[in-house]
C-alpha atoms as a PDB file:
ATOM      1  CA  MET A   1    -194.316 -86.926 -33.646  1.00  0.00           C
ATOM      2  CA  ALA A   2    -197.539 -85.041 -34.168  1.00  0.00           C
ATOM      3  CA  VAL A   3    -197.868 -82.890 -37.267  1.00  0.00           C
ATOM      4  CA  ASN A   4    -199.208 -79.421 -36.677  1.00  0.00           C
ATOM      5  CA  PHE A   5    -201.195 -78.652 -39.836  1.00  0.00           C
ATOM      6  CA  ALA A   6    -202.113 -75.173 -38.632  1.00  0.00           C
ATOM      7  CA  LEU A   7    -198.416 -74.282 -38.311  1.00  0.00           C
ATOM      8  CA  SER A   8    -197.675 -75.690 -41.774  1.00  0.00           C
ATOM      9  CA  ALA A   9    -200.562 -73.715 -43.275  1.00  0.00           C
ATOM     10  CA  ALA A  10    -199.339 -70.544 -41.567  1.00  0.00           C
ATOM     11  CA  ARG A  11    -195.827 -71.032 -42.984  1.00  0.00           C
ATOM     12  CA  ALA A  12    -197.195 -71.604 -46.498  1.00  0.00           C
ATOM     13  CA  HIS A  13    -199.342 -68.481 -46.207  1.00  0.00           C
ATOM     14  CA  ALA A  14    -196.325 -66.449 -45.039  1.00  0.00           C
ATOM     15  CA  ARG A  15    -194.285 -67.687 -48.045  1.00  0.00           C
ATOM     16  CA  SER A  16    -197.050 -66.728 -50.457  1.00  0.00           C
ATOM     17  CA  ASN A  17    -197.231 -63.255 -48.870  1.00  0.00           C
ATOM     18  CA  ARG A  18    -193.479 -62.882 -49.370  1.00  0.00           C
ATOM     19  CA  ARG A  19    -193.852 -63.812 -53.049  1.00  0.00           C
ATOM     20  CA  GLU A  20    -196.597 -61.219 -53.445  1.00  0.00           C
ATOM     21  CA  ALA A  21    -194.345 -58.636 -51.795  1.00  0.00           C
ATOM     22  CA  ARG A  22    -191.584 -59.449 -54.302  1.00  0.00           C
ATOM     23  CA  VAL A  23    -193.981 -59.017 -57.210  1.00  0.00           C
ATOM     24  CA  GLU A  24    -195.152 -55.685 -55.800  1.00  0.00           C
ATOM     25  CA  LEU A  25    -191.541 -54.572 -55.363  1.00  0.00           C
ATOM     26  CA  LYS A  26    -190.716 -55.478 -58.969  1.00  0.00           C
ATOM     27  CA  GLN A  27    -193.736 -53.570 -60.226  1.00  0.00           C
ATOM     28  CA  ALA A  28    -192.784 -50.566 -58.114  1.00  0.00           C
ATOM     29  CA  ALA A  29    -189.215 -50.705 -59.449  1.00  0.00           C
ATOM     30  CA  ALA A  30    -190.543 -50.728 -63.025  1.00  0.00           C
ATOM     31  CA  GLY A  31    -192.620 -47.651 -62.194  1.00  0.00           C
ATOM     32  CA  TRP A  32    -189.606 -45.918 -60.648  1.00  0.00           C
ATOM     33  CA  LYS A  33    -187.556 -46.631 -63.732  1.00  0.00           C
ATOM     34  CA  GLU A  34    -190.260 -45.258 -66.018  1.00  0.00           C
ATOM     35  CA  ARG A  35    -190.612 -42.079 -63.912  1.00  0.00           C
ATOM     36  CA  ARG A  36    -186.824 -41.651 -63.868  1.00  0.00           C
ATOM     37  CA  GLU A  37    -186.614 -42.009 -67.665  1.00  0.00           C
ATOM     38  CA  ASN A  38    -189.429 -39.466 -68.090  1.00  0.00           C
ATOM     39  CA  ASP A  39    -187.636 -37.021 -65.778  1.00  0.00           C
ATOM     40  CA  LEU A  40    -184.402 -37.449 -67.747  1.00  0.00           C
ATOM     41  CA  ARG A  41    -186.223 -36.839 -71.049  1.00  0.00           C
ATOM     42  CA  GLU A  42    -187.714 -33.633 -69.649  1.00  0.00           C
ATOM     43  CA  MET A  43    -184.228 -32.491 -68.682  1.00  0.00           C
ATOM     44  CA  GLY A  44    -183.043 -33.104 -72.262  1.00  0.00           C
ATOM     45  CA  VAL A  45    -180.932 -36.202 -71.604  1.00  0.00           C
ATOM     46  CA  VAL A  46    -180.834 -38.564 -74.587  1.00  0.00           C
ATOM     47  CA  ILE A  47    -181.751 -42.096 -73.599  1.00  0.00           C
ATOM     48  CA  PRO A  48    -180.467 -44.904 -75.857  1.00  0.00           C
ATOM     49  CA  LEU A  49    -183.208 -46.408 -77.978  1.00  0.00           C
ATOM     50  CA  SER A  50    -181.861 -49.924 -77.705  1.00  0.00           C
ATOM     51  CA  LYS A  51    -180.561 -52.276 -75.035  1.00  0.00           C
ATOM     52  CA  TRP A  52    -178.064 -53.366 -77.662  1.00  0.00           C
ATOM     53  CA  LEU A  53    -176.143 -50.103 -77.585  1.00  0.00           C
ATOM     54  CA  GLY A  54    -172.497 -51.105 -77.676  1.00  0.00           C
ATOM     55  CA  HIS A  55    -173.235 -54.534 -79.137  1.00  0.00           C
ATOM     56  CA  ASN A  56    -171.216 -55.281 -82.267  1.00  0.00           C
ATOM     57  CA  ASN A  57    -174.297 -56.792 -83.960  1.00  0.00           C
ATOM     58  CA  GLY A  58    -172.269 -59.804 -84.994  1.00  0.00           C
ATOM     59  CA  PRO A  59    -173.752 -63.265 -85.343  1.00  0.00           C
ATOM     60  CA  ASP A  60    -175.092 -64.974 -82.278  1.00  0.00           C
ATOM     61  CA  ILE A  61    -172.438 -67.246 -80.779  1.00  0.00           C
ATOM     62  CA  LEU A  62    -174.846 -70.188 -80.792  1.00  0.00           C
ATOM     63  CA  GLU A  63    -175.411 -69.808 -84.543  1.00  0.00           C
ATOM     64  CA  SER A  64    -171.737 -69.468 -85.454  1.00  0.00           C
ATOM     65  CA  GLN A  65    -170.306 -72.255 -87.609  1.00  0.00           C
ATOM     66  CA  LEU A  66    -167.045 -72.162 -85.663  1.00  0.00           C
ATOM     67  CA  PHE A  67    -168.935 -72.625 -82.406  1.00  0.00           C
ATOM     68  CA  LYS A  68    -170.850 -75.601 -83.830  1.00  0.00           C
ATOM     69  CA  GLU A  69    -167.634 -77.199 -85.053  1.00  0.00           C
ATOM     70  CA  TRP A  70    -165.998 -76.610 -81.680  1.00  0.00           C
ATOM     71  CA  ARG A  71    -168.983 -78.176 -79.837  1.00  0.00           C
ATOM     72  CA  TRP A  72    -168.997 -81.252 -82.111  1.00  0.00           C
ATOM     73  CA  THR A  73    -165.245 -81.705 -81.667  1.00  0.00           C
ATOM     74  CA  ARG A  74    -165.578 -81.395 -77.912  1.00  0.00           C
ATOM     75  CA  ALA A  75    -168.580 -83.761 -77.779  1.00  0.00           C
ATOM     76  CA  ARG A  76    -166.745 -86.352 -79.901  1.00  0.00           C
ATOM     77  CA  THR A  77    -163.658 -86.103 -77.696  1.00  0.00           C
ATOM     78  CA  GLU A  78    -165.763 -86.546 -74.565  1.00  0.00           C
ATOM     79  CA  ALA A  79    -167.705 -89.462 -76.070  1.00  0.00           C
ATOM     80  CA  PHE A  80    -164.613 -91.373 -77.156  1.00  0.00           C
ATOM     81  CA  ALA A  81    -162.645 -90.768 -73.965  1.00  0.00           C
ATOM     82  CA  PRO A  82    -162.639 -93.785 -71.659  1.00  0.00           C
ATOM     83  CA  PRO A  83    -164.095 -93.371 -68.178  1.00  0.00           C
ATOM     84  CA  ASP A  84    -160.659 -94.135 -66.676  1.00  0.00           C
ATOM     85  CA  GLY A  85    -157.266 -95.459 -67.776  1.00  0.00           C
ATOM     86  CA  GLU A  86    -157.866 -99.056 -66.757  1.00  0.00           C
ATOM     87  CA  THR A  87    -161.145 -99.243 -68.669  1.00  0.00           C
ATOM     88  CA  GLY A  88    -159.554 -97.637 -71.732  1.00  0.00           C
ATOM     89  CA  ALA A  89    -156.722-100.179 -71.699  1.00  0.00           C
ATOM     90  CA  ARG A  90    -159.200-103.060 -71.335  1.00  0.00           C
ATOM     91  CA  TRP A  91    -161.291-101.779 -74.259  1.00  0.00           C
ATOM     92  CA  ALA A  92    -158.148-101.331 -76.383  1.00  0.00           C
ATOM     93  CA  ARG A  93    -157.075-104.927 -75.667  1.00  0.00           C
ATOM     94  CA  LYS A  94    -160.569-106.214 -76.493  1.00  0.00           C
ATOM     95  CA  ALA A  95    -160.609-104.161 -79.724  1.00  0.00           C
ATOM     96  CA  GLU A  96    -157.244-105.615 -80.714  1.00  0.00           C
ATOM     97  CA  GLU A  97    -158.508-109.166 -80.041  1.00  0.00           C
ATOM     98  CA  LEU A  98    -161.490-108.497 -82.325  1.00  0.00           C
ATOM     99  CA  GLY A  99    -159.337-106.900 -85.032  1.00  0.00           C
ATOM    100  CA  LEU A 100    -160.893-103.454 -84.615  1.00  0.00           C
ATOM    101  CA  SER A 101    -159.431-100.061 -83.870  1.00  0.00           C
ATOM    102  CA  TYR A 102    -160.228 -98.465 -80.525  1.00  0.00           C
ATOM    103  CA  ALA A 103    -162.393 -95.882 -82.317  1.00  0.00           C
ATOM    104  CA  GLU A 104    -164.415 -98.598 -84.096  1.00  0.00           C
ATOM    105  CA  TYR A 105    -164.836-100.507 -80.830  1.00  0.00           C
ATOM    106  CA  ARG A 106    -165.928 -97.396 -78.919  1.00  0.00           C
ATOM    107  CA  LEU A 107    -168.286 -96.306 -81.714  1.00  0.00           C
ATOM    108  CA  GLU A 108    -169.970 -99.702 -81.673  1.00  0.00           C
ATOM    109  CA  LEU A 109    -170.269 -99.488 -77.894  1.00  0.00           C
ATOM    110  CA  LEU A 110    -171.840 -96.028 -78.142  1.00  0.00           C
ATOM    111  CA  GLU A 111    -174.223 -96.955 -80.966  1.00  0.00           C
ATOM    112  CA  ARG A 112    -175.449-100.325 -79.696  1.00  0.00           C
ATOM    113  CA  GLY A 113    -175.061 -99.867 -75.958  1.00  0.00           C
ATOM    114  CA  ARG A 114    -173.211-103.164 -75.625  1.00  0.00           C
ATOM    115  CA  HIS A 115    -169.707-104.450 -76.184  1.00  0.00           C
ATOM    116  CA  PRO A 116    -169.064-105.781 -79.709  1.00  0.00           C
ATOM    117  CA  THR A 117    -168.989-109.539 -80.228  1.00  0.00           C
ATOM    118  CA  HIS A 118    -166.992-111.478 -82.831  1.00  0.00           C
ATOM    119  CA  GLU A 119    -170.010-111.340 -85.184  1.00  0.00           C
ATOM    120  CA  ASP A 120    -170.195-107.558 -84.752  1.00  0.00           C
ATOM    121  CA  ALA A 121    -166.473-107.268 -85.417  1.00  0.00           C
ATOM    122  CA  LYS A 122    -166.807-109.279 -88.640  1.00  0.00           C
ATOM    123  CA  ARG A 123    -169.663-107.030 -89.779  1.00  0.00           C
ATOM    124  CA  ILE A 124    -167.582-103.924 -89.022  1.00  0.00           C
ATOM    125  CA  ARG A 125    -164.500-105.263 -90.817  1.00  0.00           C
ATOM    126  CA  ASP A 126    -166.610-106.194 -93.855  1.00  0.00           C
ATOM    127  CA  ALA A 127    -168.100-102.696 -93.946  1.00  0.00           C
ATOM    128  CA  ARG A 128    -164.670-101.029 -94.132  1.00  0.00           C
ATOM    129  CA  PRO A 129    -163.872 -99.544 -97.528  1.00  0.00           C
ATOM    130  CA  SER A 130    -161.217-101.393 -99.474  1.00  0.00           C
ATOM    131  CA  PRO A 131    -157.831 -99.613 -99.563  1.00  0.00           C
ATOM    132  CA  GLY A 132    -158.000 -98.804-103.280  1.00  0.00           C
ATOM    133  CA  ALA A 133    -161.655 -97.727-103.368  1.00  0.00           C
ATOM    134  CA  THR A 134    -162.545 -94.177-104.298  1.00  0.00           C
ATOM    135  CA  TRP A 135    -165.777 -92.593-103.243  1.00  0.00           C
END
């Protein structure tokens, strides 16, 4: 199949013209808005000084401590959830064989990117705090 470069160039040029038309339309709309606001001011209509009129001026949701806690809880839940039931059961059996909890097994899998071995399990068990220890 022969490629028609002239046709491709014409299509690209048409697309760029459409983009320029959109930019011109946006600029025209901004001008219309400014003229409209000026007309309203001349008529004595009060125009709000801020876009935030009606906003409760509370903290940003992304900076809220509750939101951060909720995101961390959700991320932890998603990270520790098995991909499917069969895989979760297999990991739980493997964790039990190694003497680890499912959470310890999954954490090791997430941190190291590989399934824990018996040596890893011994290291994890040795790192556990003793039952009577106070921090």
